[in-house]
Amino acid sequence: MVSSEEESQGADSLLEAFLASEIELLAPDILVLEVANTLWKQSILLKQLRPEKARSIFHDFLTLPLSLHESNAWTSQALKMSVELRHPIYDTLYCAPANEGDCEFITADRVLSKSWWVHCCFLSACSQQ
């Protein structure tokens, strides 16, 4: 989820470009678990979503033509980045393909973008899109 209006507009632009097949979105396969966990948290712990709505959102998410890749393919690079940046591997796993030069890494996570900016020339904040 994105928090500010500026980030939301950037995310909306990315989604529109993705749905129009103008860009490809890559992610490790753990994305499916992370989305499901976030929906569970918003539904059960935070009471921000009704369980039926969480299930509906997850169903819609599963229909997106995302390019999900096995996490194992990027784990070594992600671990190297985690050690160098002193950051959890769950985040660097998303960043690893961009670090290898295959694509640009875009995030709405302000903490992530501020802490990595000097290390990752391939990183863009979602609000810059």
Protein backbone atom coordinates (compact mmCIF):
# COMPACT_ATOMS: atom_id res chain seq x y z
CA MET A 1 0.00 0.00 0.00
CA VAL A 2 1.16 3.51 -0.67
CA SER A 3 0.56 6.25 1.83
CA SER A 4 0.83 9.69 0.32
CA GLU A 5 -1.12 11.15 -2.57
CA GLU A 6 2.10 11.67 -4.52
CA GLU A 7 3.13 8.03 -4.03
CA SER A 8 -0.38 6.87 -4.89
CA GLN A 9 -0.28 8.78 -8.17
CA GLY A 10 3.09 7.22 -8.97
CA ALA A 11 1.75 3.76 -8.18
CA ASP A 12 -1.36 4.40 -10.28
CA SER A 13 0.82 5.46 -13.23
CA LEU A 14 2.90 2.31 -12.91
CA LEU A 15 -0.22 0.15 -12.73
CA GLU A 16 -1.72 1.83 -15.80
CA ALA A 17 1.50 1.31 -17.77
CA PHE A 18 1.63 -2.32 -16.63
CA LEU A 19 -1.98 -3.03 -17.55
CA ALA A 20 -1.40 -1.40 -20.95
CA SER A 21 1.59 -3.76 -21.46
CA GLU A 22 3.96 -0.80 -21.66
CA ILE A 23 6.14 -2.15 -18.85
CA GLU A 24 6.79 -5.51 -17.23
CA LEU A 25 6.73 -5.91 -13.45
CA LEU A 26 9.12 -8.48 -12.02
CA ALA A 27 9.00 -9.83 -8.49
CA PRO A 28 10.19 -12.81 -6.50
CA ASP A 29 7.60 -15.49 -5.87
CA ILE A 30 7.42 -14.50 -2.20
CA LEU A 31 5.30 -11.55 -3.34
CA VAL A 32 2.22 -13.80 -3.32
CA LEU A 33 2.82 -14.69 0.33
CA GLU A 34 3.54 -11.08 1.28
CA VAL A 35 0.32 -9.85 -0.34
CA ALA A 36 -1.68 -12.58 1.39
CA ASN A 37 -0.06 -11.76 4.74
CA THR A 38 -0.73 -8.03 4.33
CA LEU A 39 -4.38 -8.69 3.53
CA TRP A 40 -4.66 -10.99 6.54
CA LYS A 41 -3.11 -8.33 8.77
CA GLN A 42 -5.41 -5.60 7.45
CA SER A 43 -8.42 -7.85 7.85
CA ILE A 44 -7.82 -9.69 11.11
CA LEU A 45 -5.41 -7.60 13.16
CA LEU A 46 -6.15 -4.06 12.02
CA LYS A 47 -9.82 -4.55 11.12
CA GLN A 48 -9.36 -2.30 8.07
CA LEU A 49 -10.88 -4.81 5.62
CA ARG A 50 -13.70 -7.28 5.88
CA PRO A 51 -12.40 -10.84 5.36
CA GLU A 52 -14.54 -11.17 2.20
CA LYS A 53 -12.95 -8.03 0.77
CA ALA A 54 -9.45 -9.30 1.60
CA ARG A 55 -10.21 -12.55 -0.24
CA SER A 56 -11.61 -10.63 -3.21
CA ILE A 57 -8.54 -8.39 -3.42
CA PHE A 58 -6.28 -11.45 -3.25
CA HIS A 59 -8.25 -13.18 -6.00
CA ASP A 60 -7.90 -10.08 -8.20
CA PHE A 61 -4.17 -9.91 -7.42
CA LEU A 62 -3.73 -13.52 -8.55
CA THR A 63 -5.20 -12.65 -11.96
CA LEU A 64 -2.50 -10.02 -12.69
CA PRO A 65 0.00 -11.17 -15.32
CA LEU A 66 3.02 -10.58 -13.10
CA SER A 67 6.42 -12.03 -13.90
CA LEU A 68 7.08 -13.96 -10.70
CA HIS A 69 10.48 -15.58 -10.44
CA GLU A 70 11.80 -18.19 -8.05
CA SER A 71 13.36 -16.50 -5.06
CA ASN A 72 16.26 -18.96 -5.16
CA ALA A 73 17.51 -17.42 -8.41
CA TRP A 74 18.22 -14.10 -6.65
CA THR A 75 18.97 -15.19 -3.09
CA SER A 76 22.78 -15.09 -3.37
CA GLN A 77 22.75 -11.57 -4.81
CA ALA A 78 20.13 -10.51 -2.24
CA LEU A 79 22.21 -11.87 0.63
CA LYS A 80 25.27 -10.01 -0.63
CA MET A 81 23.25 -6.78 -0.77
CA SER A 82 21.72 -7.43 2.67
CA VAL A 83 25.15 -7.78 4.21
CA GLU A 84 26.56 -4.71 2.45
CA LEU A 85 23.54 -2.51 3.17
CA ARG A 86 22.74 -4.01 6.58
CA HIS A 87 19.15 -4.46 5.45
CA PRO A 88 16.78 -7.49 5.65
CA ILE A 89 16.95 -9.93 2.78
CA TYR A 90 13.17 -9.77 2.28
CA ASP A 91 13.62 -6.29 0.76
CA THR A 92 16.89 -6.94 -1.07
CA LEU A 93 15.31 -9.95 -2.75
CA TYR A 94 13.10 -7.53 -4.69
CA CYS A 95 16.06 -5.32 -5.48
CA ALA A 96 18.55 -8.00 -6.60
CA PRO A 97 17.51 -8.22 -10.29
CA ALA A 98 17.87 -4.47 -10.67
CA ASN A 99 21.27 -4.58 -9.01
CA GLU A 100 22.37 -7.10 -11.62
CA GLY A 101 21.45 -4.56 -14.30
CA ASP A 102 18.39 -6.30 -15.65
CA CYS A 103 15.84 -3.61 -14.71
CA GLU A 104 15.03 -0.58 -12.60
CA PHE A 105 13.90 -1.02 -8.99
CA ILE A 106 10.96 1.18 -8.03
CA THR A 107 9.64 1.49 -4.50
CA ALA A 108 7.15 3.55 -2.51
CA ASP A 109 9.05 2.72 0.70
CA ARG A 110 10.58 6.03 1.79
CA VAL A 111 12.90 4.46 4.36
CA LEU A 112 14.16 2.01 1.79
CA SER A 113 14.71 4.60 -0.91
CA LYS A 114 16.47 7.04 1.43
CA SER A 115 18.78 4.44 2.94
CA TRP A 116 19.64 2.80 -0.38
CA TRP A 117 19.77 5.84 -2.65
CA VAL A 118 23.54 6.28 -2.43
CA HIS A 119 24.12 2.56 -2.99
CA CYS A 120 21.64 1.84 -5.77
CA CYS A 121 21.82 3.93 -8.92
CA PHE A 122 18.98 1.83 -10.35
CA LEU A 123 16.48 2.80 -7.62
CA SER A 124 13.58 5.18 -8.18
CA ALA A 125 10.98 6.37 -5.73
CA CYS A 126 7.44 5.51 -6.80
CA SER A 127 6.53 9.20 -6.62
CA GLN A 128 9.07 9.94 -9.36
CA GLN A 129 7.20 7.84 -11.92
